[in-house]
PDB file of N, CA and C in Angstrom:
ATOM      1  N   UNK A   1      58.777  90.710  84.166  1.00  0.00           N
ATOM      2  CA  UNK A   1      59.953  90.104  84.771  1.00  0.00           C
ATOM      3  C   UNK A   1      60.762  91.211  85.445  1.00  0.00           C
ATOM      4  N   UNK A   2      60.965  91.097  86.750  1.00  0.00           N
ATOM      5  CA  UNK A   2      61.684  92.111  87.502  1.00  0.00           C
ATOM      6  C   UNK A   2      63.156  91.790  87.652  1.00  0.00           C
ATOM      7  N   UNK A   3      63.831  92.680  88.351  1.00  0.00           N
ATOM      8  CA  UNK A   3      65.273  92.516  88.579  1.00  0.00           C
ATOM      9  C   UNK A   3      65.547  91.253  89.377  1.00  0.00           C
ATOM     10  N   UNK A   4      64.705  90.969  90.361  1.00  0.00           N
ATOM     11  CA  UNK A   4      64.959  89.801  91.208  1.00  0.00           C
ATOM     12  C   UNK A   4      64.860  88.483  90.432  1.00  0.00           C
ATOM     13  N   UNK A   5      64.205  88.511  89.277  1.00  0.00           N
ATOM     14  CA  UNK A   5      64.128  87.304  88.451  1.00  0.00           C
ATOM     15  C   UNK A   5      65.392  87.086  87.624  1.00  0.00           C
ATOM     16  N   UNK A   6      66.257  88.081  87.595  1.00  0.00           N
ATOM     17  CA  UNK A   6      67.457  88.008  86.754  1.00  0.00           C
ATOM     18  C   UNK A   6      68.753  88.010  87.558  1.00  0.00           C
ATOM     19  N   UNK A   7      68.707  87.616  88.793  1.00  0.00           N
ATOM     20  CA  UNK A   7      69.907  87.578  89.617  1.00  0.00           C
ATOM     21  C   UNK A   7      70.808  86.444  89.139  1.00  0.00           C
ATOM     22  N   UNK A   8      72.114  86.625  89.259  1.00  0.00           N
ATOM     23  CA  UNK A   8      73.044  85.674  88.662  1.00  0.00           C
ATOM     24  C   UNK A   8      73.785  84.803  89.672  1.00  0.00           C
ATOM     25  N   UNK A   9      73.815  85.189  90.920  1.00  0.00           N
ATOM     26  CA  UNK A   9      74.575  84.417  91.898  1.00  0.00           C
ATOM     27  C   UNK A   9      73.788  83.192  92.349  1.00  0.00           C
ATOM     28  N   UNK A  10      74.360  82.034  92.127  1.00  0.00           N
ATOM     29  CA  UNK A  10      73.748  80.817  92.662  1.00  0.00           C
ATOM     30  C   UNK A  10      74.116  80.715  94.142  1.00  0.00           C
ATOM     31  N   UNK A  11      73.411  79.873  94.864  1.00  0.00           N
ATOM     32  CA  UNK A  11      73.718  79.678  96.281  1.00  0.00           C
ATOM     33  C   UNK A  11      75.128  79.134  96.466  1.00  0.00           C
ATOM     34  N   UNK A  12      75.551  78.255  95.571  1.00  0.00           N
ATOM     35  CA  UNK A  12      76.899  77.675  95.648  1.00  0.00           C
ATOM     36  C   UNK A  12      77.954  78.758  95.441  1.00  0.00           C
ATOM     37  N   UNK A  13      77.747  79.621  94.445  1.00  0.00           N
ATOM     38  CA  UNK A  13      78.699  80.712  94.189  1.00  0.00           C
ATOM     39  C   UNK A  13      78.743  81.667  95.367  1.00  0.00           C
ATOM     40  N   UNK A  14      77.592  81.987  95.930  1.00  0.00           N
ATOM     41  CA  UNK A  14      77.555  82.904  97.067  1.00  0.00           C
ATOM     42  C   UNK A  14      78.282  82.300  98.272  1.00  0.00           C
ATOM     43  N   UNK A  15      78.130  80.997  98.502  1.00  0.00           N
ATOM     44  CA  UNK A  15      78.816  80.353  99.613  1.00  0.00           C
ATOM     45  C   UNK A  15      80.334  80.418  99.452  1.00  0.00           C
ATOM     46  N   UNK A  16      80.821  80.349  98.217  1.00  0.00           N
ATOM     47  CA  UNK A  16      82.266  80.472  97.968  1.00  0.00           C
ATOM     48  C   UNK A  16      82.735  81.901  98.177  1.00  0.00           C
ATOM     49  N   UNK A  17      81.882  82.852  97.862  1.00  0.00           N
ATOM     50  CA  UNK A  17      82.236  84.258  97.894  1.00  0.00           C
ATOM     51  C   UNK A  17      82.079  84.882  99.286  1.00  0.00           C
ATOM     52  N   UNK A  18      81.085  84.458 100.025  1.00  0.00           N
ATOM     53  CA  UNK A  18      80.703  85.090 101.287  1.00  0.00           C
ATOM     54  C   UNK A  18      81.838  85.242 102.305  1.00  0.00           C
ATOM     55  N   UNK A  19      82.706  84.248 102.488  1.00  0.00           N
ATOM     56  CA  UNK A  19      83.773  84.431 103.475  1.00  0.00           C
ATOM     57  C   UNK A  19      84.807  85.501 103.086  1.00  0.00           C
ATOM     58  N   UNK A  20      84.825  85.913 101.835  1.00  0.00           N
ATOM     59  CA  UNK A  20      85.825  86.864 101.353  1.00  0.00           C
ATOM     60  C   UNK A  20      85.382  88.319 101.457  1.00  0.00           C
ATOM     61  N   UNK A  21      84.095  88.530 101.714  1.00  0.00           N
ATOM     62  CA  UNK A  21      83.593  89.900 101.729  1.00  0.00           C
ATOM     63  C   UNK A  21      83.802  90.535 103.097  1.00  0.00           C
ATOM     64  N   UNK A  22      83.763  91.853 103.113  1.00  0.00           N
ATOM     65  CA  UNK A  22      83.842  92.576 104.380  1.00  0.00           C
ATOM     66  C   UNK A  22      82.448  93.075 104.726  1.00  0.00           C
ATOM     67  N   UNK A  23      82.238  93.381 106.005  1.00  0.00           N
ATOM     68  CA  UNK A  23      80.930  93.845 106.443  1.00  0.00           C
ATOM     69  C   UNK A  23      79.993  92.713 106.789  1.00  0.00           C
ATOM     70  N   UNK A  24      80.570  91.533 107.117  1.00  0.00           N
ATOM     71  CA  UNK A  24      79.740  90.393 107.524  1.00  0.00           C
ATOM     72  C   UNK A  24      79.327  90.576 108.985  1.00  0.00           C
ATOM     73  N   UNK A  25      78.216  89.983 109.382  1.00  0.00           N
ATOM     74  CA  UNK A  25      77.769  90.104 110.783  1.00  0.00           C
ATOM     75  C   UNK A  25      78.775  89.547 111.796  1.00  0.00           C
ATOM     76  N   UNK A  26      79.620  88.595 111.389  1.00  0.00           N
ATOM     77  CA  UNK A  26      80.581  88.008 112.319  1.00  0.00           C
ATOM     78  C   UNK A  26      81.864  88.834 112.462  1.00  0.00           C
ATOM     79  N   UNK A  27      81.943  89.981 111.807  1.00  0.00           N
ATOM     80  CA  UNK A  27      83.127  90.829 111.874  1.00  0.00           C
ATOM     81  C   UNK A  27      82.850  92.079 112.700  1.00  0.00           C
ATOM     82  N   UNK A  28      83.925  92.651 113.249  1.00  0.00           N
ATOM     83  CA  UNK A  28      83.801  93.918 113.961  1.00  0.00           C
ATOM     84  C   UNK A  28      83.618  95.035 112.945  1.00  0.00           C
ATOM     85  N   UNK A  29      83.037  96.117 113.397  1.00  0.00           N
ATOM     86  CA  UNK A  29      82.834  97.262 112.500  1.00  0.00           C
ATOM     87  C   UNK A  29      81.435  97.261 111.922  1.00  0.00           C
ATOM     88  N   UNK A  30      81.256  98.064 110.910  1.00  0.00           N
ATOM     89  CA  UNK A  30      79.921  98.181 110.318  1.00  0.00           C
ATOM     90  C   UNK A  30      79.581  96.939 109.496  1.00  0.00           C
ATOM     91  N   UNK A  31      78.313  96.638 109.477  1.00  0.00           N
ATOM     92  CA  UNK A  31      77.806  95.474 108.754  1.00  0.00           C
ATOM     93  C   UNK A  31      77.024  95.945 107.546  1.00  0.00           C
ATOM     94  N   UNK A  32      77.274  95.323 106.399  1.00  0.00           N
ATOM     95  CA  UNK A  32      76.525  95.663 105.195  1.00  0.00           C
ATOM     96  C   UNK A  32      75.075  95.228 105.339  1.00  0.00           C
ATOM     97  N   UNK A  33      74.172  96.030 104.784  1.00  0.00           N
ATOM     98  CA  UNK A  33      72.740  95.726 104.915  1.00  0.00           C
ATOM     99  C   UNK A  33      72.397  94.415 104.241  1.00  0.00           C
ATOM    100  N   UNK A  34      72.750  94.275 102.995  1.00  0.00           N
ATOM    101  CA  UNK A  34      72.481  93.031 102.274  1.00  0.00           C
ATOM    102  C   UNK A  34      73.642  92.801 101.322  1.00  0.00           C
ATOM    103  N   UNK A  35      74.642  92.099 101.804  1.00  0.00           N
ATOM    104  CA  UNK A  35      75.865  91.902 101.022  1.00  0.00           C
ATOM    105  C   UNK A  35      75.600  91.207  99.696  1.00  0.00           C
ATOM    106  N   UNK A  36      74.706  90.243  99.713  1.00  0.00           N
ATOM    107  CA  UNK A  36      74.448  89.492  98.475  1.00  0.00           C
ATOM    108  C   UNK A  36      73.812  90.386  97.410  1.00  0.00           C
ATOM    109  N   UNK A  37      72.838  91.213  97.788  1.00  0.00           N
ATOM    110  CA  UNK A  37      72.220  92.108  96.812  1.00  0.00           C
ATOM    111  C   UNK A  37      73.206  93.168  96.338  1.00  0.00           C
ATOM    112  N   UNK A  38      74.111  93.580  97.214  1.00  0.00           N
ATOM    113  CA  UNK A  38      75.146  94.523  96.806  1.00  0.00           C
ATOM    114  C   UNK A  38      76.023  93.901  95.718  1.00  0.00           C
ATOM    115  N   UNK A  39      76.483  92.670  95.943  1.00  0.00           N
ATOM    116  CA  UNK A  39      77.315  91.992  94.942  1.00  0.00           C
ATOM    117  C   UNK A  39      76.520  91.781  93.660  1.00  0.00           C
ATOM    118  N   UNK A  40      75.243  91.428  93.781  1.00  0.00           N
ATOM    119  CA  UNK A  40      74.386  91.286  92.596  1.00  0.00           C
ATOM    120  C   UNK A  40      74.306  92.609  91.833  1.00  0.00           C
ATOM    121  N   UNK A  41      74.207  93.712  92.551  1.00  0.00           N
ATOM    122  CA  UNK A  41      74.155  95.023  91.908  1.00  0.00           C
ATOM    123  C   UNK A  41      75.422  95.328  91.136  1.00  0.00           C
ATOM    124  N   UNK A  42      76.569  95.013  91.723  1.00  0.00           N
ATOM    125  CA  UNK A  42      77.848  95.225  91.027  1.00  0.00           C
ATOM    126  C   UNK A  42      77.916  94.327  89.793  1.00  0.00           C
ATOM    127  N   UNK A  43      77.481  93.087  89.928  1.00  0.00           N
ATOM    128  CA  UNK A  43      77.471  92.183  88.776  1.00  0.00           C
ATOM    129  C   UNK A  43      76.514  92.675  87.698  1.00  0.00           C
ATOM    130  N   UNK A  44      75.413  93.309  88.087  1.00  0.00           N
ATOM    131  CA  UNK A  44      74.480  93.873  87.111  1.00  0.00           C
ATOM    132  C   UNK A  44      75.171  94.977  86.308  1.00  0.00           C
ATOM    133  N   UNK A  45      75.929  95.824  87.002  1.00  0.00           N
ATOM    134  CA  UNK A  45      76.669  96.898  86.321  1.00  0.00           C
ATOM    135  C   UNK A  45      77.684  96.298  85.354  1.00  0.00           C
ATOM    136  N   UNK A  46      78.421  95.293  85.808  1.00  0.00           N
ATOM    137  CA  UNK A  46      79.435  94.651  84.959  1.00  0.00           C
ATOM    138  C   UNK A  46      78.788  93.999  83.744  1.00  0.00           C
ATOM    139  N   UNK A  47      77.680  93.308  83.971  1.00  0.00           N
ATOM    140  CA  UNK A  47      77.018  92.567  82.908  1.00  0.00           C
ATOM    141  C   UNK A  47      76.397  93.487  81.862  1.00  0.00           C
ATOM    142  N   UNK A  48      75.801  94.579  82.301  1.00  0.00           N
ATOM    143  CA  UNK A  48      75.088  95.451  81.371  1.00  0.00           C
ATOM    144  C   UNK A  48      75.947  96.563  80.802  1.00  0.00           C
ATOM    145  N   UNK A  49      77.013  96.924  81.510  1.00  0.00           N
ATOM    146  CA  UNK A  49      77.832  98.048  81.063  1.00  0.00           C
ATOM    147  C   UNK A  49      77.148  99.389  81.272  1.00  0.00           C
ATOM    148  N   UNK A  50      76.120  99.416  82.081  1.00  0.00           N
ATOM    149  CA  UNK A  50      75.364 100.643  82.339  1.00  0.00           C
ATOM    150  C   UNK A  50      76.119 101.561  83.295  1.00  0.00           C
ATOM    151  N   UNK A  51      75.826 102.849  83.238  1.00  0.00           N
ATOM    152  CA  UNK A  51      76.407 103.759  84.227  1.00  0.00           C
ATOM    153  C   UNK A  51      75.781 103.500  85.605  1.00  0.00           C
ATOM    154  N   UNK A  52      76.501 103.874  86.652  1.00  0.00           N
ATOM    155  CA  UNK A  52      76.029 103.626  88.008  1.00  0.00           C
ATOM    156  C   UNK A  52      74.663 104.251  88.260  1.00  0.00           C
ATOM    157  N   UNK A  53      74.399 105.396  87.677  1.00  0.00           N
ATOM    158  CA  UNK A  53      73.117 106.081  87.901  1.00  0.00           C
ATOM    159  C   UNK A  53      71.925 105.271  87.398  1.00  0.00           C
ATOM    160  N   UNK A  54      72.155 104.309  86.511  1.00  0.00           N
ATOM    161  CA  UNK A  54      71.076 103.490  85.966  1.00  0.00           C
ATOM    162  C   UNK A  54      70.837 102.210  86.757  1.00  0.00           C
ATOM    163  N   UNK A  55      71.544 102.050  87.869  1.00  0.00           N
ATOM    164  CA  UNK A  55      71.366 100.856  88.702  1.00  0.00           C
ATOM    165  C   UNK A  55      69.931 100.805  89.217  1.00  0.00           C
ATOM    166  N   UNK A  56      69.210  99.691  89.007  1.00  0.00           N
ATOM    167  CA  UNK A  56      67.828  99.597  89.486  1.00  0.00           C
ATOM    168  C   UNK A  56      67.742  99.771  91.005  1.00  0.00           C
ATOM    169  N   UNK A  57      66.640 100.351  91.458  1.00  0.00           N
ATOM    170  CA  UNK A  57      66.433 100.628  92.886  1.00  0.00           C
ATOM    171  C   UNK A  57      66.436  99.365  93.736  1.00  0.00           C
ATOM    172  N   UNK A  58      66.176  98.214  93.135  1.00  0.00           N
ATOM    173  CA  UNK A  58      66.164  96.957  93.887  1.00  0.00           C
ATOM    174  C   UNK A  58      67.515  96.674  94.537  1.00  0.00           C
ATOM    175  N   UNK A  59      68.590  97.245  93.990  1.00  0.00           N
ATOM    176  CA  UNK A  59      69.927  97.026  94.533  1.00  0.00           C
ATOM    177  C   UNK A  59      70.322  98.090  95.554  1.00  0.00           C
ATOM    178  N   UNK A  60      69.497  99.098  95.722  1.00  0.00           N
ATOM    179  CA  UNK A  60      69.796 100.181  96.650  1.00  0.00           C
ATOM    180  C   UNK A  60      70.116 101.460  95.900  1.00  0.00           C
ATOM    181  N   UNK A  61      70.405 102.495  96.664  1.00  0.00           N
ATOM    182  CA  UNK A  61      70.768 103.783  96.081  1.00  0.00           C
ATOM    183  C   UNK A  61      72.063 103.643  95.298  1.00  0.00           C
ATOM    184  N   UNK A  62      72.068 104.086  94.058  1.00  0.00           N
ATOM    185  CA  UNK A  62      73.222 103.879  93.186  1.00  0.00           C
ATOM    186  C   UNK A  62      74.491 104.487  93.772  1.00  0.00           C
ATOM    187  N   UNK A  63      74.373 105.643  94.410  1.00  0.00           N
ATOM    188  CA  UNK A  63      75.561 106.308  94.939  1.00  0.00           C
ATOM    189  C   UNK A  63      76.135 105.542  96.129  1.00  0.00           C
ATOM    190  N   UNK A  64      75.267 104.993  96.967  1.00  0.00           N
ATOM    191  CA  UNK A  64      75.728 104.179  98.093  1.00  0.00           C
ATOM    192  C   UNK A  64      76.411 102.907  97.597  1.00  0.00           C
ATOM    193  N   UNK A  65      75.826 102.291  96.591  1.00  0.00           N
ATOM    194  CA  UNK A  65      76.420 101.076  96.021  1.00  0.00           C
ATOM    195  C   UNK A  65      77.765 101.401  95.395  1.00  0.00           C
ATOM    196  N   UNK A  66      77.853 102.524  94.676  1.00  0.00           N
ATOM    197  CA  UNK A  66      79.121 102.914  94.054  1.00  0.00           C
ATOM    198  C   UNK A  66      80.188 103.200  95.102  1.00  0.00           C
ATOM    199  N   UNK A  67      79.833 103.925  96.158  1.00  0.00           N
ATOM    200  CA  UNK A  67      80.823 104.238  97.194  1.00  0.00           C
ATOM    201  C   UNK A  67      81.313 102.967  97.886  1.00  0.00           C
ATOM    202  N   UNK A  68      80.395 102.053  98.139  1.00  0.00           N
ATOM    203  CA  UNK A  68      80.789 100.775  98.760  1.00  0.00           C
ATOM    204  C   UNK A  68      81.672  99.973  97.811  1.00  0.00           C
ATOM    205  N   UNK A  69      81.330  99.966  96.514  1.00  0.00           N
ATOM    206  CA  UNK A  69      82.164  99.306  95.508  1.00  0.00           C
ATOM    207  C   UNK A  69      83.581  99.887  95.527  1.00  0.00           C
ATOM    208  N   UNK A  70      83.688 101.201  95.605  1.00  0.00           N
ATOM    209  CA  UNK A  70      84.999 101.863  95.623  1.00  0.00           C
ATOM    210  C   UNK A  70      85.795 101.484  96.865  1.00  0.00           C
ATOM    211  N   UNK A  71      85.139 101.446  98.018  1.00  0.00           N
ATOM    212  CA  UNK A  71      85.842 101.054  99.254  1.00  0.00           C
ATOM    213  C   UNK A  71      86.365  99.625  99.152  1.00  0.00           C
ATOM    214  N   UNK A  72      85.540  98.724  98.624  1.00  0.00           N
ATOM    215  CA  UNK A  72      85.972  97.338  98.452  1.00  0.00           C
ATOM    216  C   UNK A  72      87.132  97.255  97.469  1.00  0.00           C
ATOM    217  N   UNK A  73      87.110  98.091  96.447  1.00  0.00           N
ATOM    218  CA  UNK A  73      88.204  98.097  95.469  1.00  0.00           C
ATOM    219  C   UNK A  73      89.510  98.522  96.131  1.00  0.00           C
ATOM    220  N   UNK A  74      89.447  99.570  96.931  1.00  0.00           N
ATOM    221  CA  UNK A  74      90.650 100.064  97.607  1.00  0.00           C
ATOM    222  C   UNK A  74      91.210  99.044  98.592  1.00  0.00           C
ATOM    223  N   UNK A  75      90.345  98.244  99.189  1.00  0.00           N
ATOM    224  CA  UNK A  75      90.784  97.247 100.168  1.00  0.00           C
ATOM    225  C   UNK A  75      91.145  95.909  99.544  1.00  0.00           C
ATOM    226  N   UNK A  76      91.003  95.784  98.225  1.00  0.00           N
ATOM    227  CA  UNK A  76      91.397  94.562  97.539  1.00  0.00           C
ATOM    228  C   UNK A  76      90.391  93.422  97.633  1.00  0.00           C
ATOM    229  N   UNK A  77      89.175  93.712  98.081  1.00  0.00           N
ATOM    230  CA  UNK A  77      88.162  92.659  98.234  1.00  0.00           C
ATOM    231  C   UNK A  77      87.812  92.046  96.888  1.00  0.00           C
ATOM    232  N   UNK A  78      87.683  92.865  95.856  1.00  0.00           N
ATOM    233  CA  UNK A  78      87.305  92.352  94.537  1.00  0.00           C
ATOM    234  C   UNK A  78      88.389  91.443  93.956  1.00  0.00           C
ATOM    235  N   UNK A  79      89.652  91.735  94.238  1.00  0.00           N
ATOM    236  CA  UNK A  79      90.731  90.853  93.766  1.00  0.00           C
ATOM    237  C   UNK A  79      90.594  89.460  94.385  1.00  0.00           C
ATOM    238  N   UNK A  80      90.291  89.429  95.682  1.00  0.00           N
ATOM    239  CA  UNK A  80      90.106  88.140  96.355  1.00  0.00           C
ATOM    240  C   UNK A  80      88.918  87.366  95.811  1.00  0.00           C
ATOM    241  N   UNK A  81      87.815  88.081  95.574  1.00  0.00           N
ATOM    242  CA  UNK A  81      86.628  87.429  95.025  1.00  0.00           C
ATOM    243  C   UNK A  81      86.912  86.930  93.616  1.00  0.00           C
ATOM    244  N   UNK A  82      87.566  87.754  92.823  1.00  0.00           N
ATOM    245  CA  UNK A  82      87.878  87.347  91.452  1.00  0.00           C
ATOM    246  C   UNK A  82      88.783  86.119  91.442  1.00  0.00           C
ATOM    247  N   UNK A  83      89.799  86.113  92.297  1.00  0.00           N
ATOM    248  CA  UNK A  83      90.712  84.966  92.358  1.00  0.00           C
ATOM    249  C   UNK A  83      89.952  83.698  92.760  1.00  0.00           C
ATOM    250  N   UNK A  84      89.023  83.826  93.705  1.00  0.00           N
ATOM    251  CA  UNK A  84      88.274  82.653  94.164  1.00  0.00           C
ATOM    252  C   UNK A  84      87.280  82.163  93.118  1.00  0.00           C
ATOM    253  N   UNK A  85      86.760  83.058  92.295  1.00  0.00           N
ATOM    254  CA  UNK A  85      85.707  82.695  91.353  1.00  0.00           C
ATOM    255  C   UNK A  85      86.208  82.515  89.923  1.00  0.00           C
ATOM    256  N   UNK A  86      87.483  82.738  89.677  1.00  0.00           N
ATOM    257  CA  UNK A  86      87.988  82.718  88.301  1.00  0.00           C
ATOM    258  C   UNK A  86      87.897  81.351  87.633  1.00  0.00           C
ATOM    259  N   UNK A  87      87.792  80.280  88.408  1.00  0.00           N
ATOM    260  CA  UNK A  87      87.673  78.951  87.802  1.00  0.00           C
ATOM    261  C   UNK A  87      86.219  78.558  87.542  1.00  0.00           C
ATOM    262  N   UNK A  88      85.275  79.436  87.880  1.00  0.00           N
ATOM    263  CA  UNK A  88      83.851  79.155  87.683  1.00  0.00           C
ATOM    264  C   UNK A  88      83.429  79.627  86.292  1.00  0.00           C
ATOM    265  N   UNK A  89      83.007  78.719  85.408  1.00  0.00           N
ATOM    266  CA  UNK A  89      82.651  79.121  84.038  1.00  0.00           C
ATOM    267  C   UNK A  89      81.452  80.057  83.966  1.00  0.00           C
ATOM    268  N   UNK A  90      80.629  80.108  85.014  1.00  0.00           N
ATOM    269  CA  UNK A  90      79.492  81.029  85.005  1.00  0.00           C
ATOM    270  C   UNK A  90      79.927  82.484  85.105  1.00  0.00           C
ATOM    271  N   UNK A  91      81.160  82.718  85.503  1.00  0.00           N
ATOM    272  CA  UNK A  91      81.649  84.082  85.665  1.00  0.00           C
ATOM    273  C   UNK A  91      82.651  84.464  84.594  1.00  0.00           C
ATOM    274  N   UNK A  92      82.602  83.793  83.455  1.00  0.00           N
ATOM    275  CA  UNK A  92      83.565  84.103  82.393  1.00  0.00           C
ATOM    276  C   UNK A  92      83.380  85.506  81.835  1.00  0.00           C
ATOM    277  N   UNK A  93      82.190  86.092  81.986  1.00  0.00           N
ATOM    278  CA  UNK A  93      81.980  87.437  81.468  1.00  0.00           C
ATOM    279  C   UNK A  93      82.709  88.486  82.301  1.00  0.00           C
ATOM    280  N   UNK A  94      83.230  88.107  83.472  1.00  0.00           N
ATOM    281  CA  UNK A  94      83.991  89.044  84.279  1.00  0.00           C
ATOM    282  C   UNK A  94      85.440  89.151  83.834  1.00  0.00           C
ATOM    283  N   UNK A  95      85.873  88.220  83.003  1.00  0.00           N
ATOM    284  CA  UNK A  95      87.248  88.257  82.525  1.00  0.00           C
ATOM    285  C   UNK A  95      87.328  89.305  81.425  1.00  0.00           C
ATOM    286  N   UNK A  96      88.131  90.302  81.663  1.00  0.00           N
ATOM    287  CA  UNK A  96      88.219  91.416  80.726  1.00  0.00           C
ATOM    288  C   UNK A  96      89.589  91.387  80.067  1.00  0.00           C
ATOM    289  N   UNK A  97      89.590  91.332  78.754  1.00  0.00           N
ATOM    290  CA  UNK A  97      90.850  91.445  78.026  1.00  0.00           C
ATOM    291  C   UNK A  97      90.594  92.219  76.739  1.00  0.00           C
ATOM    292  N   UNK A  98      91.637  92.427  75.983  1.00  0.00           N
ATOM    293  CA  UNK A  98      91.524  93.289  74.805  1.00  0.00           C
ATOM    294  C   UNK A  98      90.701  92.676  73.680  1.00  0.00           C
ATOM    295  N   UNK A  99      90.383  91.392  73.753  1.00  0.00           N
ATOM    296  CA  UNK A  99      89.596  90.793  72.678  1.00  0.00           C
ATOM    297  C   UNK A  99      88.116  91.131  72.793  1.00  0.00           C
ATOM    298  N   UNK A 100      87.682  91.595  73.975  1.00  0.00           N
ATOM    299  CA  UNK A 100      86.269  91.903  74.134  1.00  0.00           C
ATOM    300  C   UNK A 100      85.999  93.368  74.421  1.00  0.00           C
ATOM    301  N   UNK A 101      87.045  94.164  74.518  1.00  0.00           N
ATOM    302  CA  UNK A 101      86.857  95.585  74.788  1.00  0.00           C
ATOM    303  C   UNK A 101      86.991  96.350  73.486  1.00  0.00           C
ATOM    304  N   UNK A 102      85.993  97.176  73.222  1.00  0.00           N
ATOM    305  CA  UNK A 102      86.042  98.017  72.039  1.00  0.00           C
ATOM    306  C   UNK A 102      86.130  99.461  72.481  1.00  0.00           C
ATOM    307  N   UNK A 103      87.032 100.181  71.902  1.00  0.00           N
ATOM    308  CA  UNK A 103      87.154 101.600  72.212  1.00  0.00           C
ATOM    309  C   UNK A 103      86.336 102.398  71.208  1.00  0.00           C
ATOM    310  N   UNK A 104      85.774 103.478  71.676  1.00  0.00           N
ATOM    311  CA  UNK A 104      85.064 104.379  70.789  1.00  0.00           C
ATOM    312  C   UNK A 104      86.075 105.007  69.849  1.00  0.00           C
ATOM    313  N   UNK A 105      85.652 105.372  68.659  1.00  0.00           N
ATOM    314  CA  UNK A 105      86.578 105.917  67.668  1.00  0.00           C
ATOM    315  C   UNK A 105      87.294 107.161  68.179  1.00  0.00           C
ATOM    316  N   UNK A 106      86.665 107.902  69.071  1.00  0.00           N
ATOM    317  CA  UNK A 106      87.296 109.100  69.595  1.00  0.00           C
ATOM    318  C   UNK A 106      88.339 108.775  70.667  1.00  0.00           C
ATOM    319  N   UNK A 107      88.399 107.539  71.100  1.00  0.00           N
ATOM    320  CA  UNK A 107      89.360 107.139  72.119  1.00  0.00           C
ATOM    321  C   UNK A 107      90.698 106.731  71.524  1.00  0.00           C
ATOM    322  N   UNK A 108      90.834 106.802  70.219  1.00  0.00           N
ATOM    323  CA  UNK A 108      92.056 106.340  69.570  1.00  0.00           C
ATOM    324  C   UNK A 108      93.195 107.340  69.669  1.00  0.00           C
ATOM    325  N   UNK A 109      92.931 108.549  70.140  1.00  0.00           N
ATOM    326  CA  UNK A 109      93.993 109.528  70.326  1.00  0.00           C
ATOM    327  C   UNK A 109      94.248 110.415  69.126  1.00  0.00           C
ATOM    328  N   UNK A 110      93.417 110.342  68.110  1.00  0.00           N
ATOM    329  CA  UNK A 110      93.604 111.184  66.935  1.00  0.00           C
ATOM    330  C   UNK A 110      93.307 112.635  67.286  1.00  0.00           C
ATOM    331  N   UNK A 111      94.014 113.536  66.646  1.00  0.00           N
ATOM    332  CA  UNK A 111      93.793 114.954  66.897  1.00  0.00           C
ATOM    333  C   UNK A 111      92.618 115.445  66.066  1.00  0.00           C
ATOM    334  N   UNK A 112      91.992 116.501  66.560  1.00  0.00           N
ATOM    335  CA  UNK A 112      90.871 117.086  65.842  1.00  0.00           C
ATOM    336  C   UNK A 112      91.335 117.643  64.511  1.00  0.00           C
ATOM    337  N   UNK A 113      90.473 117.603  63.538  1.00  0.00           N
ATOM    338  CA  UNK A 113      90.791 118.179  62.240  1.00  0.00           C
ATOM    339  C   UNK A 113      91.231 117.148  61.214  1.00  0.00           C
ATOM    340  N   UNK A 114      91.417 115.926  61.629  1.00  0.00           N
ATOM    341  CA  UNK A 114      91.782 114.884  60.681  1.00  0.00           C
ATOM    342  C   UNK A 114      93.271 114.815  60.414  1.00  0.00           C
ATOM    343  N   UNK A 115      93.635 113.952  59.525  1.00  0.00           N
ATOM    344  CA  UNK A 115      95.027 113.709  59.177  1.00  0.00           C
ATOM    345  C   UNK A 115      95.535 114.803  58.252  1.00  0.00           C
ATOM    346  N   UNK A 116      96.651 115.359  58.580  1.00  0.00           N
ATOM    347  CA  UNK A 116      97.287 116.384  57.747  1.00  0.00           C
ATOM    348  C   UNK A 116      98.452 115.732  57.004  1.00  0.00           C
ATOM    349  N   UNK A 117      98.400 115.742  55.698  1.00  0.00           N
ATOM    350  CA  UNK A 117      99.468 115.155  54.890  1.00  0.00           C
ATOM    351  C   UNK A 117     100.430 116.268  54.510  1.00  0.00           C
ATOM    352  N   UNK A 118     101.679 116.053  54.884  1.00  0.00           N
ATOM    353  CA  UNK A 118     102.705 117.041  54.598  1.00  0.00           C
ATOM    354  C   UNK A 118     103.569 116.528  53.441  1.00  0.00           C
ATOM    355  N   UNK A 119     103.894 117.394  52.490  1.00  0.00           N
ATOM    356  CA  UNK A 119     104.748 116.947  51.395  1.00  0.00           C
ATOM    357  C   UNK A 119     106.167 116.669  51.879  1.00  0.00           C
ATOM    358  N   UNK A 120     106.808 115.709  51.249  1.00  0.00           N
ATOM    359  CA  UNK A 120     108.187 115.403  51.576  1.00  0.00           C
ATOM    360  C   UNK A 120     109.083 116.592  51.191  1.00  0.00           C
ATOM    361  N   UNK A 121     110.126 116.800  51.976  1.00  0.00           N
ATOM    362  CA  UNK A 121     111.041 117.917  51.715  1.00  0.00           C
ATOM    363  C   UNK A 121     111.729 117.735  50.363  1.00  0.00           C
ATOM    364  N   UNK A 122     112.048 116.497  49.953  1.00  0.00           N
ATOM    365  CA  UNK A 122     112.726 116.253  48.685  1.00  0.00           C
ATOM    366  C   UNK A 122     111.839 116.645  47.503  1.00  0.00           C
ATOM    367  N   UNK A 123     110.549 116.327  47.589  1.00  0.00           N
ATOM    368  CA  UNK A 123     109.648 116.699  46.504  1.00  0.00           C
ATOM    369  C   UNK A 123     109.451 118.198  46.426  1.00  0.00           C
ATOM    370  N   UNK A 124     109.370 118.831  47.567  1.00  0.00           N
ATOM    371  CA  UNK A 124     109.141 120.266  47.599  1.00  0.00           C
ATOM    372  C   UNK A 124     110.343 120.991  47.012  1.00  0.00           C
ATOM    373  N   UNK A 125     111.567 120.462  47.185  1.00  0.00           N
ATOM    374  CA  UNK A 125     112.780 121.106  46.680  1.00  0.00           C
ATOM    375  C   UNK A 125     112.939 120.862  45.180  1.00  0.00           C
ATOM    376  N   UNK A 126     112.406 119.756  44.646  1.00  0.00           N
ATOM    377  CA  UNK A 126     112.646 119.364  43.259  1.00  0.00           C
ATOM    378  C   UNK A 126     111.689 119.892  42.305  1.00  0.00           C
TER     379      UNK A 126
END
C-alpha cells in the first residue's frame, strides 16, 4: 500500500478548498505544480506528526513543500482553509487544543538537577 492509497482529501473537500489556495492557474504569478498533492503532503505531516524531512517523495521535495507551507502561512492561506473546513467532521484531527497535545517531560520548564528543598528560616533558627 503506497502513499497514494492513503490520501485524505475527498473530491468534495478539495472543491471547497481549491478557490482559497494561491498559485492556481487562473491567477497571475507563479502556479503551483500540483496544489492538491501539496495540501495532501501538509495533511500527511499534520496527521503523522513526522518531521518535514520524513515527508514521502510522492509529495515532492520536503524542503520545497516546507518553504511553500511557510509562504502560505505568512499570507494567511491556511487560516482561510481552516475556517472553510472547520465544519467538516473529516478534518477534526486538525483542531488542536490542550486536550490532545502532550508536552515532553523536559518541556515543563524544570531546571536541571532536580528539585532543591530548602529548610524554612524558622526551623533553621530554632
